[in-house]
N, C-alpha and C. Protein backbone atom coordinates (compact mmCIF):
# COMPACT_ATOMS: atom_id res chain seq x y z
N MET A 1 -8.98 -70.60 32.70
CA MET A 1 -8.69 -69.38 32.53
C MET A 1 -8.24 -68.38 33.39
N ILE A 2 -9.56 -68.19 34.82
CA ILE A 2 -9.57 -67.15 35.39
C ILE A 2 -8.51 -67.72 36.23
N ALA A 3 -8.05 -69.22 36.50
CA ALA A 3 -6.62 -69.27 37.72
C ALA A 3 -5.39 -68.86 36.75
N GLN A 4 -5.51 -68.66 35.32
CA GLN A 4 -4.40 -68.23 34.71
C GLN A 4 -4.12 -66.96 34.51
N LEU A 5 -5.42 -66.07 34.43
CA LEU A 5 -5.40 -64.99 34.61
C LEU A 5 -4.67 -64.01 36.39
N VAL A 6 -5.33 -65.29 37.05
CA VAL A 6 -5.11 -65.01 38.80
C VAL A 6 -3.71 -65.00 39.04
N ASP A 7 -3.05 -66.46 38.48
CA ASP A 7 -1.70 -66.59 38.26
C ASP A 7 -0.59 -66.15 37.79
N GLY A 8 -1.56 -65.56 36.75
CA GLY A 8 -0.14 -64.81 36.00
C GLY A 8 -0.24 -63.24 35.60
N VAL A 9 -1.05 -62.77 34.84
CA VAL A 9 -1.09 -61.19 34.76
C VAL A 9 -1.66 -60.59 35.98
N PHE A 10 -2.65 -60.63 36.95
CA PHE A 10 -3.25 -59.90 37.74
C PHE A 10 -2.04 -60.23 38.78
N TRP A 11 -1.23 -61.29 38.92
CA TRP A 11 -0.86 -61.51 40.21
C TRP A 11 0.72 -60.50 39.92
N ASN A 12 1.18 -60.51 38.39
CA ASN A 12 2.47 -59.80 37.94
C ASN A 12 2.37 -58.30 38.57
N ILE A 13 0.62 -57.94 38.05
CA ILE A 13 0.23 -56.41 38.00
C ILE A 13 0.12 -55.82 39.63
N ALA A 14 -0.20 -56.93 40.81
CA ALA A 14 0.01 -56.58 42.08
C ALA A 14 1.19 -56.66 42.47
N VAL A 15 1.99 -57.47 42.46
CA VAL A 15 3.70 -57.33 42.55
C VAL A 15 4.00 -55.90 42.22
N ALA A 16 3.70 -55.49 40.70
CA ALA A 16 4.23 -54.34 40.56
C ALA A 16 4.09 -53.23 41.21
N ILE A 17 2.21 -53.03 41.35
CA ILE A 17 1.71 -51.94 42.49
C ILE A 17 2.41 -52.11 43.42
N PHE A 18 2.57 -53.38 44.55
CA PHE A 18 2.80 -53.35 45.33
C PHE A 18 4.22 -52.73 45.55
N LEU A 19 5.57 -52.92 44.95
CA LEU A 19 6.58 -52.58 45.50
C LEU A 19 6.65 -51.37 45.12
N LEU A 20 5.94 -51.02 43.91
CA LEU A 20 6.21 -49.21 43.74
C LEU A 20 5.68 -48.44 44.45
N GLY A 21 4.23 -48.64 45.06
CA GLY A 21 3.95 -48.28 45.64
C GLY A 21 4.48 -47.94 47.08
N ILE A 22 4.98 -48.99 47.84
CA ILE A 22 6.13 -48.82 49.17
C ILE A 22 6.53 -48.18 48.74
N ALA A 23 7.53 -48.06 47.33
CA ALA A 23 9.21 -47.52 46.81
C ALA A 23 8.53 -45.88 47.00
N TRP A 24 7.04 -45.95 46.71
CA TRP A 24 7.11 -44.49 46.46
C TRP A 24 6.75 -43.91 48.07
N ARG A 25 5.82 -44.64 48.80
CA ARG A 25 5.66 -43.96 49.77
C ARG A 25 7.07 -43.71 50.59
N ILE A 26 7.65 -44.49 51.05
CA ILE A 26 8.69 -44.50 51.75
C ILE A 26 9.81 -43.18 50.99
N PHE A 27 9.84 -43.06 50.01
CA PHE A 27 10.63 -41.91 49.23
C PHE A 27 10.17 -40.74 49.60
N ALA A 28 8.41 -40.95 49.74
CA ALA A 28 8.04 -39.51 49.82
C ALA A 28 7.57 -39.25 51.44
N VAL A 29 8.15 -40.42 52.19
CA VAL A 29 8.15 -39.94 53.86
C VAL A 29 9.49 -38.97 53.77
N PHE A 30 10.84 -39.94 52.82
CA PHE A 30 11.89 -39.50 53.12
C PHE A 30 12.93 -38.43 52.81
N ARG A 31 11.97 -37.95 51.37
CA ARG A 31 12.90 -37.32 50.74
C ARG A 31 12.52 -35.46 51.34
N HIS A 32 11.90 -35.45 52.27
CA HIS A 32 11.89 -34.00 53.11
C HIS A 32 12.79 -33.84 53.69
N GLY A 33 13.41 -35.08 54.44
CA GLY A 33 14.50 -34.79 55.34
C GLY A 33 14.05 -34.42 56.81
N ALA A 34 14.78 -34.48 57.47
CA ALA A 34 14.73 -33.49 59.13
C ALA A 34 15.22 -32.21 58.56
N ARG A 35 14.66 -31.43 59.32
CA ARG A 35 14.47 -30.16 59.92
C ARG A 35 16.10 -29.63 60.66
N GLN A 36 16.57 -28.72 60.27
CA GLN A 36 18.02 -28.10 61.01
C GLN A 36 17.77 -27.80 62.07
N ASP A 37 18.12 -28.46 63.29
CA ASP A 37 17.88 -28.37 64.49
C ASP A 37 19.07 -27.26 65.30
N LEU A 38 18.34 -26.50 65.87
CA LEU A 38 19.56 -24.94 66.42
C LEU A 38 19.67 -25.75 67.43
N ALA A 39 18.57 -26.32 68.55
CA ALA A 39 19.04 -26.33 69.88
C ALA A 39 20.13 -27.44 70.13
N GLU A 40 20.69 -27.04 71.24
CA GLU A 40 22.08 -27.57 71.96
C GLU A 40 21.74 -29.23 72.30
N PRO A 41 22.30 -30.18 71.25
CA PRO A 41 21.54 -31.85 71.86
C PRO A 41 21.81 -31.47 73.62
N ARG A 42 20.96 -32.59 74.20
CA ARG A 42 20.82 -33.01 75.81
C ARG A 42 20.81 -34.42 75.52
N GLY A 43 20.65 -34.98 74.63
CA GLY A 43 20.87 -36.72 73.98
C GLY A 43 21.09 -37.39 73.04
N SER A 44 21.25 -38.27 72.99
CA SER A 44 21.71 -39.13 72.16
C SER A 44 20.33 -39.24 71.03
N ALA A 45 20.40 -39.08 69.39
CA ALA A 45 18.84 -39.10 68.75
C ALA A 45 19.12 -40.53 68.54
N ALA A 46 20.40 -41.26 68.38
CA ALA A 46 20.30 -42.77 68.24
C ALA A 46 19.87 -43.55 69.07
N SER A 47 20.17 -43.37 70.11
CA SER A 47 19.65 -44.09 71.61
C SER A 47 18.13 -43.77 72.01
N GLY A 48 17.86 -42.45 71.38
CA GLY A 48 15.98 -42.15 71.49
C GLY A 48 15.28 -42.78 70.45
N ALA A 49 16.00 -43.00 69.51
CA ALA A 49 15.18 -43.53 68.48
C ALA A 49 15.46 -45.45 68.72
N ILE A 50 16.35 -46.02 69.16
CA ILE A 50 16.27 -47.25 69.48
C ILE A 50 15.43 -47.30 70.83
N HIS A 51 15.24 -46.65 71.34
CA HIS A 51 14.75 -46.86 72.52
C HIS A 51 13.02 -46.62 72.90
N THR A 52 12.79 -45.75 71.41
CA THR A 52 11.06 -45.65 71.80
C THR A 52 10.89 -46.70 70.65
N ASN A 53 11.34 -47.06 69.81
CA ASN A 53 10.79 -48.40 68.90
C ASN A 53 10.65 -49.71 70.05
N TRP A 54 11.70 -49.96 71.26
CA TRP A 54 11.63 -50.92 71.82
C TRP A 54 10.53 -50.69 72.77
N SER A 55 10.30 -49.79 73.48
CA SER A 55 9.66 -49.65 74.48
C SER A 55 8.27 -49.37 74.05
N ARG A 56 7.61 -48.89 73.31
CA ARG A 56 6.57 -48.93 72.42
C ARG A 56 5.95 -50.16 72.31
N PHE A 57 6.42 -51.35 72.57
CA PHE A 57 5.78 -52.16 71.95
C PHE A 57 4.90 -52.88 73.64
N ILE A 58 5.62 -52.24 74.52
CA ILE A 58 5.07 -52.48 76.03
C ILE A 58 4.29 -50.69 76.52
N PRO A 59 3.10 -51.12 76.81
CA PRO A 59 1.97 -49.86 77.12
C PRO A 59 2.84 -49.10 78.11
N ARG A 60 2.80 -47.95 78.68
CA ARG A 60 3.01 -47.51 80.14
C ARG A 60 2.01 -47.83 80.79
N ARG A 61 2.36 -48.40 81.77
CA ARG A 61 2.40 -48.53 83.06
C ARG A 61 0.85 -47.59 83.65
N GLU A 62 0.41 -46.37 83.20
CA GLU A 62 0.04 -45.61 84.10
C GLU A 62 -1.42 -46.27 83.05
N ILE A 63 -1.59 -46.06 81.76
CA ILE A 63 -2.91 -46.46 81.01
C ILE A 63 -3.10 -47.69 80.57
N VAL A 64 -2.52 -48.74 81.29
CA VAL A 64 -2.28 -50.01 80.56
C VAL A 64 -3.93 -50.71 81.22
N ALA A 65 -4.10 -50.64 82.11
CA ALA A 65 -5.53 -50.61 82.32
C ALA A 65 -6.46 -50.31 81.50
N LYS A 66 -6.33 -49.01 80.93
CA LYS A 66 -7.27 -48.36 80.09
C LYS A 66 -7.13 -49.24 78.98
N ILE A 67 -6.54 -49.72 78.37
CA ILE A 67 -6.26 -50.62 76.96
C ILE A 67 -6.00 -51.53 77.30
N ASN A 68 -6.02 -52.27 77.90
CA ASN A 68 -5.64 -53.89 78.19
C ASN A 68 -6.12 -54.64 77.02
N LEU A 69 -7.61 -54.25 76.71
CA LEU A 69 -8.19 -55.06 75.81
C LEU A 69 -7.73 -55.00 74.56
N HIS A 70 -7.43 -53.81 74.14
CA HIS A 70 -6.47 -53.27 73.07
C HIS A 70 -5.36 -54.08 72.53
N VAL A 71 -4.41 -54.07 73.75
CA VAL A 71 -3.05 -54.53 73.68
C VAL A 71 -3.03 -56.24 73.23
N ILE A 72 -4.07 -56.98 74.14
CA ILE A 72 -4.00 -58.44 73.77
C ILE A 72 -4.23 -58.64 72.84
N ALA A 73 -5.42 -58.20 72.19
CA ALA A 73 -6.07 -58.26 70.52
C ALA A 73 -5.01 -57.67 69.87
N GLY A 74 -4.49 -56.89 69.92
CA GLY A 74 -3.44 -56.16 68.94
C GLY A 74 -2.28 -57.63 68.80
N TYR A 75 -1.81 -57.79 70.16
CA TYR A 75 -0.66 -59.04 70.03
C TYR A 75 -1.33 -60.00 69.66
N MET A 76 -2.29 -60.55 69.73
CA MET A 76 -3.19 -61.86 69.23
C MET A 76 -2.82 -61.66 67.95
N PHE A 77 -3.60 -60.98 66.94
CA PHE A 77 -3.61 -60.56 65.20
C PHE A 77 -2.40 -60.70 65.20
N HIS A 78 -1.42 -59.50 65.85
CA HIS A 78 -0.23 -59.17 64.69
C HIS A 78 0.60 -60.28 64.95
N LEU A 79 0.42 -61.19 66.11
CA LEU A 79 1.48 -62.36 65.89
C LEU A 79 1.24 -63.39 65.41
N GLY A 80 0.02 -63.61 65.17
CA GLY A 80 -0.57 -65.06 65.02
C GLY A 80 -0.40 -64.65 63.33
N LEU A 81 -0.69 -63.44 62.89
CA LEU A 81 -0.64 -63.24 60.81
C LEU A 81 0.69 -63.26 61.24
N PHE A 82 1.89 -63.29 61.32
CA PHE A 82 3.57 -63.09 61.28
C PHE A 82 3.71 -64.61 61.46
N ILE A 83 3.25 -65.21 62.64
CA ILE A 83 3.56 -66.82 62.62
C ILE A 83 2.98 -67.26 60.99
N LEU A 84 1.47 -67.38 60.98
CA LEU A 84 0.84 -67.95 59.40
C LEU A 84 1.79 -67.43 58.53
N LEU A 85 1.97 -66.41 58.02
CA LEU A 85 3.04 -65.94 56.97
C LEU A 85 3.79 -66.90 57.01
N LEU A 86 4.72 -66.85 57.98
CA LEU A 86 6.32 -67.45 57.79
C LEU A 86 6.03 -68.92 58.15
N PHE A 87 5.24 -69.34 58.85
CA PHE A 87 5.37 -70.40 58.95
C PHE A 87 4.33 -71.49 58.41
N ALA A 88 3.18 -71.06 57.71
CA ALA A 88 2.33 -71.87 57.53
C ALA A 88 2.51 -72.53 56.03
N ALA A 89 2.11 -74.00 56.02
CA ALA A 89 2.91 -74.91 54.85
C ALA A 89 2.58 -74.55 53.52
N PRO A 90 1.59 -74.13 53.38
CA PRO A 90 1.43 -73.66 51.68
C PRO A 90 2.70 -72.09 51.53
N HIS A 91 2.81 -71.45 52.34
CA HIS A 91 3.66 -70.08 51.97
C HIS A 91 4.72 -70.38 51.99
N ILE A 92 5.17 -71.26 52.41
CA ILE A 92 6.54 -72.00 52.49
C ILE A 92 6.70 -72.74 51.35
N LYS A 93 5.90 -73.71 50.83
CA LYS A 93 6.13 -73.92 50.04
C LYS A 93 5.71 -72.92 48.55
N PHE A 94 5.31 -72.00 48.61
CA PHE A 94 4.90 -71.04 47.48
C PHE A 94 6.71 -70.39 47.32
N ALA A 95 6.95 -69.73 48.37
CA ALA A 95 8.67 -68.92 48.63
C ALA A 95 9.15 -69.82 48.51
N GLN A 96 9.21 -71.15 48.54
CA GLN A 96 10.40 -71.69 47.85
C GLN A 96 10.09 -72.10 46.24
N ASP A 97 9.02 -72.18 45.84
CA ASP A 97 8.75 -72.62 44.69
C ASP A 97 9.02 -70.99 43.37
N HIS A 98 8.68 -70.05 44.17
CA HIS A 98 8.48 -68.80 43.33
C HIS A 98 9.27 -67.77 43.76
N VAL A 99 9.76 -67.76 44.61
CA VAL A 99 10.86 -66.72 45.04
C VAL A 99 11.52 -66.45 45.48
N LEU A 100 11.98 -67.23 46.78
CA LEU A 100 13.21 -67.90 47.49
C LEU A 100 14.20 -68.94 46.89
N GLY A 101 13.90 -70.37 46.29
CA GLY A 101 14.63 -70.98 45.72
C GLY A 101 14.36 -72.33 46.81
N PHE A 102 14.42 -72.09 48.17
CA PHE A 102 13.95 -72.71 49.30
C PHE A 102 13.29 -72.76 50.05
N GLY A 103 13.37 -73.79 50.90
CA GLY A 103 12.24 -73.55 52.21
C GLY A 103 12.20 -73.65 53.34
N TRP A 104 11.97 -73.94 54.54
CA TRP A 104 12.16 -74.13 55.77
C TRP A 104 10.84 -74.57 56.36
N PRO A 105 11.32 -75.38 57.99
CA PRO A 105 10.52 -76.10 58.48
C PRO A 105 9.14 -75.83 58.50
N ALA A 106 7.69 -76.52 58.30
CA ALA A 106 6.72 -75.76 58.55
C ALA A 106 5.84 -75.83 59.98
N MET A 107 5.26 -75.25 60.29
CA MET A 107 4.18 -75.78 61.34
C MET A 107 3.58 -76.78 61.22
N PRO A 108 3.06 -77.75 61.98
CA PRO A 108 1.82 -78.84 62.14
C PRO A 108 0.35 -78.17 61.76
N HIS A 109 -0.08 -78.82 61.23
CA HIS A 109 -1.59 -78.80 60.92
C HIS A 109 -2.94 -78.22 62.13
N TRP A 110 -2.31 -79.31 63.00
CA TRP A 110 -3.09 -78.70 64.49
C TRP A 110 -2.74 -76.97 64.78
N ALA A 111 -1.27 -76.69 64.39
CA ALA A 111 -0.70 -75.57 65.44
C ALA A 111 -1.45 -74.26 64.60
N PHE A 112 -1.45 -74.53 62.79
CA PHE A 112 -1.68 -73.46 61.98
C PHE A 112 -3.55 -73.28 62.49
N VAL A 113 -3.71 -74.37 62.69
CA VAL A 113 -5.77 -74.12 63.24
C VAL A 113 -5.97 -73.20 64.34
N VAL A 114 -4.70 -73.61 65.16
CA VAL A 114 -4.80 -72.69 66.53
C VAL A 114 -4.63 -71.67 66.47
N VAL A 115 -3.29 -71.29 65.92
CA VAL A 115 -2.89 -69.60 65.56
C VAL A 115 -3.69 -69.07 64.86
N SER A 116 -4.21 -69.60 63.72
CA SER A 116 -5.24 -68.87 62.96
C SER A 116 -6.89 -68.38 63.38
N GLN A 117 -6.94 -69.27 64.53
CA GLN A 117 -8.25 -69.04 65.72
C GLN A 117 -8.07 -67.63 66.61
N ILE A 118 -6.49 -67.86 66.86
CA ILE A 118 -6.14 -66.68 67.41
C ILE A 118 -6.21 -65.52 66.93
N ALA A 119 -5.56 -65.44 65.19
CA ALA A 119 -5.18 -64.22 64.93
C ALA A 119 -6.80 -63.85 64.62
N PHE A 120 -7.93 -64.66 64.54
CA PHE A 120 -9.29 -64.01 63.57
C PHE A 120 -9.25 -63.80 64.89
N ALA A 121 -9.81 -64.29 66.39
CA ALA A 121 -9.62 -63.56 67.28
C ALA A 121 -9.36 -62.13 67.65
N GLY A 122 -8.45 -62.02 67.46
CA GLY A 122 -7.32 -61.07 67.67
C GLY A 122 -8.18 -59.54 66.77
N LEU A 123 -8.32 -60.15 65.32
CA LEU A 123 -9.05 -59.28 64.67
C LEU A 123 -10.03 -58.73 64.37
N LEU A 124 -11.45 -59.64 64.80
CA LEU A 124 -12.75 -59.42 65.20
C LEU A 124 -12.75 -58.64 66.59
N LEU A 125 -11.63 -58.82 67.82
CA LEU A 125 -11.69 -57.98 68.70
C LEU A 125 -11.49 -56.59 68.48
N LEU A 126 -10.45 -56.36 67.51
CA LEU A 126 -10.02 -54.49 67.23
C LEU A 126 -11.01 -54.38 66.82
N TRP A 127 -11.83 -54.71 65.56
CA TRP A 127 -12.54 -54.17 65.06
C TRP A 127 -13.87 -53.80 65.81
N LEU A 128 -14.06 -54.60 66.62
CA LEU A 128 -15.41 -54.31 67.68
C LEU A 128 -15.31 -53.84 68.81
N GLN A 129 -13.55 -53.40 69.07
CA GLN A 129 -13.10 -52.08 69.52
C GLN A 129 -13.57 -50.73 69.34
N ARG A 130 -13.08 -50.78 67.62
CA ARG A 130 -13.12 -49.36 66.80
C ARG A 130 -14.44 -48.99 66.60
N VAL A 131 -15.45 -50.35 66.50
CA VAL A 131 -16.98 -49.70 66.33
C VAL A 131 -17.92 -49.53 66.94
N LEU A 132 -17.58 -50.00 68.22
CA LEU A 132 -18.57 -50.26 69.45
C LEU A 132 -17.80 -48.79 70.33
N HIS A 133 -16.49 -48.71 70.76
CA HIS A 133 -15.98 -47.20 71.51
C HIS A 133 -16.24 -45.88 71.23
N PRO A 134 -16.48 -45.21 71.34
CA PRO A 134 -17.21 -43.38 70.81
C PRO A 134 -15.96 -43.06 70.28
N VAL A 135 -15.12 -43.46 71.47
CA VAL A 135 -13.80 -42.42 70.92
C VAL A 135 -13.21 -43.39 69.67
N THR A 136 -13.25 -44.09 69.78
CA THR A 136 -12.52 -45.03 68.25
C THR A 136 -13.37 -44.61 67.19
N ARG A 137 -14.81 -45.10 67.26
CA ARG A 137 -15.47 -45.17 66.31
C ARG A 137 -15.89 -43.23 65.88
N LEU A 138 -15.40 -42.48 66.57
CA LEU A 138 -15.52 -41.06 65.76
C LEU A 138 -14.24 -41.10 64.59
N ILE A 139 -12.89 -41.41 65.18
CA ILE A 139 -11.61 -41.24 64.50
C ILE A 139 -11.62 -42.42 62.97
N SER A 140 -12.31 -42.68 63.36
CA SER A 140 -12.18 -44.20 62.78
C SER A 140 -12.30 -43.65 60.68
N ARG A 141 -11.95 -43.82 59.85
CA ARG A 141 -11.98 -43.89 58.56
C ARG A 141 -12.69 -45.00 57.80
N ALA A 142 -12.89 -45.03 56.46
CA ALA A 142 -13.44 -46.05 55.56
C ALA A 142 -12.26 -46.73 55.71
N ASP A 143 -11.02 -46.20 55.26
CA ASP A 143 -9.92 -46.84 54.67
C ASP A 143 -9.41 -48.19 56.20
N ASP A 144 -10.11 -47.53 57.33
CA ASP A 144 -9.72 -47.90 58.68
C ASP A 144 -10.66 -49.87 58.50
N HIS A 145 -11.64 -49.42 57.91
CA HIS A 145 -12.67 -50.44 57.76
C HIS A 145 -12.22 -51.41 56.41
N ILE A 146 -11.92 -50.50 55.68
CA ILE A 146 -11.85 -51.54 54.21
C ILE A 146 -10.53 -52.39 54.44
N SER A 147 -9.45 -51.78 55.13
CA SER A 147 -8.65 -52.74 55.73
C SER A 147 -8.83 -54.07 56.53
N THR A 148 -9.51 -53.56 57.52
CA THR A 148 -9.75 -55.03 58.11
C THR A 148 -10.61 -56.12 57.57
N ILE A 149 -11.65 -55.52 56.71
CA ILE A 149 -12.31 -56.32 55.35
C ILE A 149 -11.28 -57.63 55.02
N LEU A 150 -10.73 -56.28 54.06
CA LEU A 150 -9.63 -57.04 53.10
C LEU A 150 -8.52 -58.22 53.90
N VAL A 151 -8.14 -57.86 55.15
CA VAL A 151 -7.20 -58.64 55.94
C VAL A 151 -8.15 -59.98 56.42
N PHE A 152 -9.46 -59.76 56.27
CA PHE A 152 -10.36 -60.46 57.00
C PHE A 152 -10.77 -61.80 56.10
N VAL A 153 -10.59 -61.27 54.64
CA VAL A 153 -10.81 -62.23 53.62
C VAL A 153 -9.68 -62.90 53.53
N VAL A 154 -8.67 -62.17 53.45
CA VAL A 154 -7.37 -63.28 52.92
C VAL A 154 -7.33 -63.99 54.06
N MET A 155 -7.67 -64.15 55.29
CA MET A 155 -7.09 -65.04 56.30
C MET A 155 -7.84 -65.87 56.08
N LEU A 156 -9.33 -65.33 55.88
CA LEU A 156 -10.40 -66.64 55.78
C LEU A 156 -10.38 -67.18 54.71
N THR A 157 -9.84 -66.92 53.26
CA THR A 157 -9.71 -67.73 52.31
C THR A 157 -8.73 -68.58 52.40
N GLY A 158 -7.26 -67.83 53.06
CA GLY A 158 -6.31 -68.49 53.24
C GLY A 158 -7.10 -70.13 54.13
N CYS A 159 -7.46 -69.83 55.00
CA CYS A 159 -8.03 -71.50 55.44
C CYS A 159 -8.68 -72.12 54.58
N MET A 160 -9.75 -71.59 54.13
CA MET A 160 -10.07 -72.43 53.02
C MET A 160 -9.84 -73.07 52.02
N ALA A 161 -8.56 -72.18 51.47
CA ALA A 161 -7.68 -72.58 50.38
C ALA A 161 -6.76 -73.84 50.98
N LEU A 162 -6.75 -74.14 52.51
CA LEU A 162 -6.16 -75.89 52.71
C LEU A 162 -7.21 -77.05 51.99
N PHE A 163 -8.10 -76.39 51.77
CA PHE A 163 -8.71 -77.53 50.83
C PHE A 163 -8.24 -77.96 49.72
N GLU A 164 -7.33 -78.14 49.30
CA GLU A 164 -6.37 -78.55 48.50
C GLU A 164 -6.94 -79.07 47.21
N SER A 165 -7.88 -79.67 47.16
CA SER A 165 -8.68 -80.51 46.34
C SER A 165 -9.30 -79.67 45.55
N TYR A 166 -9.47 -78.29 45.84
CA TYR A 166 -11.01 -77.60 44.66
C TYR A 166 -9.68 -76.00 44.67
N THR A 167 -9.45 -76.31 43.40
CA THR A 167 -8.43 -75.35 42.84
C THR A 167 -9.17 -74.08 43.03
N GLY A 168 -10.40 -73.73 42.55
CA GLY A 168 -11.25 -72.03 43.53
C GLY A 168 -10.70 -72.15 44.28
N LEU A 169 -10.89 -72.61 45.64
CA LEU A 169 -10.56 -72.03 46.62
C LEU A 169 -9.20 -71.56 46.59
N ARG A 170 -8.20 -71.96 46.05
CA ARG A 170 -6.84 -71.29 46.15
C ARG A 170 -6.74 -69.94 45.20
N VAL A 171 -7.84 -70.48 44.04
CA VAL A 171 -7.46 -68.99 43.01
C VAL A 171 -8.13 -67.68 43.77
N LEU A 172 -9.30 -68.37 44.52
CA LEU A 172 -9.93 -66.95 45.07
C LEU A 172 -8.91 -66.49 46.42
N HIS A 173 -8.44 -67.69 46.79
CA HIS A 173 -7.63 -67.01 47.92
C HIS A 173 -6.17 -66.08 47.47
N ARG A 174 -5.16 -66.75 46.47
CA ARG A 174 -4.63 -65.79 45.74
C ARG A 174 -5.17 -64.17 44.96
N PHE A 175 -6.12 -64.25 44.59
CA PHE A 175 -6.88 -63.18 44.11
C PHE A 175 -7.06 -62.06 45.04
N SER A 176 -7.87 -62.66 46.66
CA SER A 176 -7.83 -62.03 47.63
C SER A 176 -6.44 -61.19 47.98
N VAL A 177 -5.68 -62.20 48.08
CA VAL A 177 -4.47 -61.57 48.32
C VAL A 177 -3.41 -60.16 47.39
N GLU A 178 -3.77 -60.58 46.45
CA GLU A 178 -3.39 -59.44 45.38
C GLU A 178 -4.34 -58.16 45.20
N LEU A 179 -5.50 -58.12 45.50
CA LEU A 179 -6.30 -57.46 45.62
C LEU A 179 -5.97 -56.39 47.22
N PHE A 180 -5.09 -57.04 48.27
CA PHE A 180 -4.73 -57.20 49.51
C PHE A 180 -3.65 -56.16 48.77
N MET A 181 -2.79 -56.70 48.37
CA MET A 181 -1.79 -55.84 47.73
C MET A 181 -1.68 -54.62 47.10
N ILE A 182 -2.41 -55.02 46.33
CA ILE A 182 -2.80 -53.62 45.33
C ILE A 182 -3.23 -51.91 46.46
N TYR A 183 -4.16 -52.34 47.28
CA TYR A 183 -4.49 -51.78 48.42
C TYR A 183 -3.73 -51.26 49.30
N PHE A 184 -2.45 -51.95 49.79
CA PHE A 184 -1.69 -51.94 50.88
C PHE A 184 -0.99 -50.73 50.46
N PRO A 185 -0.17 -50.10 49.24
CA PRO A 185 0.43 -49.14 49.47
C PRO A 185 -0.03 -47.72 49.99
N PHE A 186 -1.34 -48.02 49.39
CA PHE A 186 -2.03 -46.77 49.30
C PHE A 186 -3.20 -46.58 50.63
N SER A 187 -3.21 -47.47 51.62
CA SER A 187 -3.83 -47.20 53.08
C SER A 187 -3.11 -47.33 53.98
N SER A 188 -3.90 -47.19 55.22
CA SER A 188 -3.21 -46.93 56.84
C SER A 188 -2.64 -48.73 56.96
N LEU A 189 -2.72 -49.51 55.86
CA LEU A 189 -1.95 -50.51 55.95
C LEU A 189 -0.28 -50.72 56.35
N MET A 190 -0.10 -49.06 55.61
CA MET A 190 1.54 -49.19 55.10
C MET A 190 2.45 -49.10 56.90
N HIS A 191 1.54 -48.98 57.63
CA HIS A 191 2.19 -48.71 59.37
C HIS A 191 3.26 -49.97 59.74
N ALA A 192 2.59 -51.21 58.61
CA ALA A 192 3.48 -52.55 58.43
C ALA A 192 5.27 -51.79 58.35
N ILE A 193 4.95 -51.10 57.79
CA ILE A 193 6.45 -50.97 57.01
C ILE A 193 6.90 -49.51 57.72
N LEU A 194 6.33 -48.45 58.08
CA LEU A 194 6.56 -46.94 58.38
C LEU A 194 6.70 -47.06 60.25
N PHE A 195 6.18 -48.16 60.43
CA PHE A 195 5.82 -47.60 61.77
C PHE A 195 7.40 -47.33 63.05
N ALA A 196 8.34 -48.26 62.51
CA ALA A 196 9.34 -48.31 63.19
C ALA A 196 10.21 -47.12 62.99
N SER A 197 10.21 -46.45 61.74
CA SER A 197 10.62 -44.94 61.14
C SER A 197 10.30 -44.23 62.28
N SER A 198 8.71 -44.22 61.88
CA SER A 198 7.81 -43.45 62.60
C SER A 198 8.31 -43.17 64.19
N ARG A 199 8.34 -44.61 65.01
CA ARG A 199 8.48 -44.08 66.30
C ARG A 199 10.18 -43.73 66.19
N GLY A 200 11.31 -44.33 65.44
CA GLY A 200 11.78 -43.99 65.80
C GLY A 200 12.36 -41.96 65.84
N TYR A 201 12.05 -41.47 64.34
CA TYR A 201 11.80 -39.91 64.25
C TYR A 201 11.28 -39.34 65.52
N THR A 202 10.29 -39.89 66.10
CA THR A 202 9.67 -39.51 67.51
C THR A 202 10.72 -39.29 68.74
N GLY A 203 10.93 -40.73 68.92
CA GLY A 203 12.35 -40.82 69.73
C GLY A 203 13.16 -40.05 69.41
N ALA A 204 13.97 -39.61 68.78
CA ALA A 204 15.01 -38.81 68.64
C ALA A 204 15.08 -37.65 68.54
N PHE A 205 13.49 -36.83 67.69
CA PHE A 205 13.38 -35.84 68.15
C PHE A 205 13.16 -35.19 69.56
N PHE A 206 12.55 -36.14 70.57
CA PHE A 206 12.53 -35.84 71.87
C PHE A 206 14.15 -36.19 72.78
N SER A 207 14.58 -36.87 72.06
CA SER A 207 15.58 -37.55 72.94
C SER A 207 17.11 -36.07 73.03
N VAL A 208 16.74 -35.59 71.62
CA VAL A 208 17.70 -34.61 71.48
C VAL A 208 17.70 -33.36 72.26
N ARG A 209 16.29 -33.17 73.03
CA ARG A 209 15.55 -32.41 73.59
C ARG A 209 15.82 -32.69 75.01
N GLY A 210 16.67 -33.80 75.56
CA GLY A 210 16.21 -34.12 76.85
C GLY A 210 14.96 -34.74 77.27
N VAL A 211 14.29 -35.08 76.33
CA VAL A 211 12.76 -35.18 76.62
C VAL A 211 12.57 -36.87 76.75
N LYS A 212 12.39 -37.96 77.87
CA LYS A 212 12.77 -39.23 77.18
C LYS A 212 10.77 -39.73 77.14
N ALA A 213 10.72 -40.09 75.82
CA ALA A 213 9.77 -39.78 74.92
C ALA A 213 8.92 -41.42 75.61
């Protein structure tokens, strides 16, 4: 009964809220449009947007020594999670059976274990840095901690669900994913969708003023 609800009604509700919430957040951002700029352009807005998007993946040399732990842990978590989402065998099978109708080669089990441990370590390091550093602790909100906990639970239940002989573990993982999807559009997790446009706007804004952002 519970498994049927999680795989059916709950999943449909989560998908609807996820997609509609993201669409609404994107609409809310872009409906205002850009203010008319009366200053004479001193650079290209497009090139500024592209440059800022790519350059932000590497920290500035002047500050890298102060944030190296944050950068390393951030790449460990984000790249690890990205690889798990795309190349974990259960995810590929789900996409093939329920979403896309086709699949692609999956990573071997040992690679899943290694990548998941790297992603877990990165997430925990980022959270410890948030709660232990006086500045990040001061500016952190409840949403930051809730988001971290949800991601951690999704990853943990995903690893547990590899024991496919236990249906309850798969159902628990899917239910945690549904909670994550419902929370996603209304949280800081939306940076996964909006970071490119945010960087692009900043780069374009300064580029037309002749400032290298």
